[in-house]
Amino acid sequence: MSVGERTASPHESAALHVTGEARYVDDIPVPRGSLFVSVKGADITAGELVSMDLTQVSESPGVVSVLTAESVPGSNDVSPVYDGDVLFVEREINFHDQPLFAVVATSQAEADAALSKSVIHYNETSPVLDCATARETGQLLRPNRSFRSGDAERALAEAPIRVHQQLHIKGQEHFYLEGQVALAKPGEEGGVEVWTSSQHPTEVQHLVASVLDVPFNQVTVQVRRMGGAFGGKESQAAALACVAALAATKTRRAVKYRMRRREDMTRTGKRHDVESSVELGIDESGIIQGALIQLSARCGYSTDLSEGIVDRAMFHADNAYSLGDARIEGEILKTNTVSHTAFRGFGGPQGMLAIESAMETAARQFGEDPLLFRLNNLYRPGRQVTPYGQDVGAHPLNELMESLRVTARYDARRQAIAEHNERRGRIIKGLALTPVKFGISFTAKHLNQAGALVNLYQDGSVQVNHGGTEMGQGLHTKIQGIVSRVLHLPDDQIRVTATNTDKVPNTSPTAASSGTDLNGMAAARAAETVLARLMEHAAKDLGVVEPGLHDGWLVSGGERVMSFKALVDSAYRARISLSATGFYRTPKLDYDLDRRWGDPFFYYAFGAALSEVHVDGRTGEYHVEQVDILHDVGQSLNEAVDRGQIEGGFIQGMGWLTTEELLWNDAGRLMSASPSTYKIPTAHDLPKTFNVSLFERANEAPTIYRSKAVGEPPLMLAISVWCALKDACASVCQYKVSPDLAVPATPEQVLWAMERAREFADE
């Protein structure tokens, strides 16, 4: 492959992954004399901590230190935005297993054993666990939010057809392969070095400094790679780093804190539960004229990132459709559960699912194929402004969906499935084709910035550092390809190093699908600066006419002049700087938070998926038979990476909607807290036929090489599976209604939905 052909370059750590040599935080050899942490959680869900007697804990074999809220020299609050996330309980207990104190011991077994020797007294109160109770008792973490366009109430009142759809959308456990973990080593003058599995090294740096009451420059945070994150390590990895750093500075020894899977599941946040209510007003031709949408999020005991998550749910409650006059509202409700947090899509999936559920119901009520109803209501000329005021522009969704409709043979399969279901056999089939429109950018404007550092060495090798983190998604691979494209070098000559706060400071989290958009552009600018210096040296000092680079050579008029290595060495001897930084900030973001109006996104990514399911009409068990995806990636930077993201995102979304069920009991304890009770998709659940195609068309927005983000949008393609299950259930009553179907749509939920459809058919 020649330099510049980057569309299928392998993942930069692929060989290390398959050989087991890729080093994660838990693989780092700990220094001799290192200590280990175990944390005691509250045995109640709500109430007050009356007293803790930790005498026997401190005297337990191997225990070096015991940490409580009183041990913190700085702030005990480790919140990402608003106060409320405490490192250790001070008095109020807000969720079951909330951390009370930490034991630091010479072995993990000794630390664990010491926990049971504590004597703790509580005053227990009744917990608030659901949205309804939180609303009734006024438990709001932040003020309610809303935006509107036009007069939604009047549009609904005048519409001849009205649809009202409610849906309780359950959350999702991140279930990353590598759990939460941190390693801290004390430095000089009260400083500390931290290795963490975090999507946001800068936030970890800031919070560790706040806990220790030291300047930011005393804390260095490093992330080489994570074994998955999906948003679960954007804010909630910081607490582990803070505990480890606090213990390290107090004991003057290296300290490691790694959560077990069960602790990880009970003490870290999930995707938010959302209760949605959608009302649509539709005219006689099947066009939506107005919408009222209410999204109520169960956020847990603190705000964490819930404000932005609810905002994004609201931004995506239109998905791909012009809703006419619309009002969209969001509630950020406080409950006695762990504080819920970022998850791939950041609220967008819940907003999209709410409207897609309503679209299914509306299509059945109108008596039309749901695909046709969707196509007729897409954003289009004359109706292309969102409820928050952003012009969607000349989007490709109609073309994209029609293309998938043809290539995946939707109409023929729809007819065949209808005929099959009319025979009323045991197996019932369902089919659905759904779109995705997903806004790309952080909705917090200041986060849309990135920096990078490029170093050239005398042997011609290149080292790149940037503010993004690698969690298996291929960010470093794309950055490597971008820099190699700028410098016309083979990939193996470019090395992307661990993200480190002492190389590129003040970074944003790797989230919002913006990792490549931001860091790729910053890295390209740094590389271009170095390239310009080399070309100036070649022209002025070496006398090369119209110098350029090609395949690792300095060229002039298509002829090779000298190797890249020789050029770099010559520049070094001429005292030319071979190091440069690059900076990028996303342009054209103009959203007024007070008016709730404007352009929060730089551009949109689009996609569509067609899913077919086969359901056992007697048991509700089902299998996803075939999935066809056409997804918009702009000009792909790396087809292999993009396909992997699309496939993985789809399956993760399918898990959220079908098998992954979070269950709390009436006392507020998480019941699905292990792999035996929480079911992520397995190889058995994969579609028998899984076709993924890329809709490659240059991004109209000036992104890096006109590519598009591909991290989060594919997850929402899996909504087609849930809609296909609804379609199968609707066939039981000749598609006259779209029966309610829970999320996740487990086999028993599918069976109950079919029973409801049969009852309707019998009426």
Foldseek 3Di string as FASTA:
>chain_A
DFFPPFAADDFPCVVCVVVVNDDFPVNDDFDPQAKEKDFFFDQFLWFWWDDKDLPQLCVFPFWDDKFFCVLFPFDQFLFPPDTDHGLADDITHQGTGGTHMMTIGSDPVSRVVSNVPMDTDTDHDAWFADLVVLVVVVFFQDDKDKFWDDDQVVLQVPFPDKFKDKEWADWFDQPQVAAWKKKKAADPPRAIEMETQALAQQSLLVSLCRRNVHDSVSYKYWYFEARGCQFQRHRPSSSNRNVQSSVCSVNNGMYMYGDDLLSRQQATAIGWTKIKMKMFGAHLVLETAHMEIEIETAFEAHCRPVVQLQVLLQVQLQFFFQRHTYMYMYTRGYTSGHGHTHGQSSNNLVSNLNNLVRLLQSCLQSVHDSVVSVLVGGQDVVRQADSQGDGQPPDCVNVQQVVCCVVVVVVVVVVVLLVVVVVVDQKHKFKFKDKGKHFADRLPQVQQKWKKKWFADLQGAIEIEIQGHHHPLSLQVLLLSLLCNLQQEDSVSYHYGIHMCVPTHDHHGNDRLCSCQHGSQFSNQFSNVLVVLLVVCCCPVVVAAPWDDHHQAIDHPNHGDGGSSVSSNVCVVVVGGRMGMGMDGQPDADADPVNSHDHSGLHIWMKMKMWMKMARLVQLDIATAEMAIETEWAADSYNNSLVVLLVVLQQQLLQFQAFADWDADSSNGTPQSDCVRGPRDDPRRDHPYYHYHYPYHFAPRPTSRSTHRRHRRSNSNNSRVVVRLQRSLCVLLPSSGRFDAHTNRYSVSSNVSNVVNPVVSVD
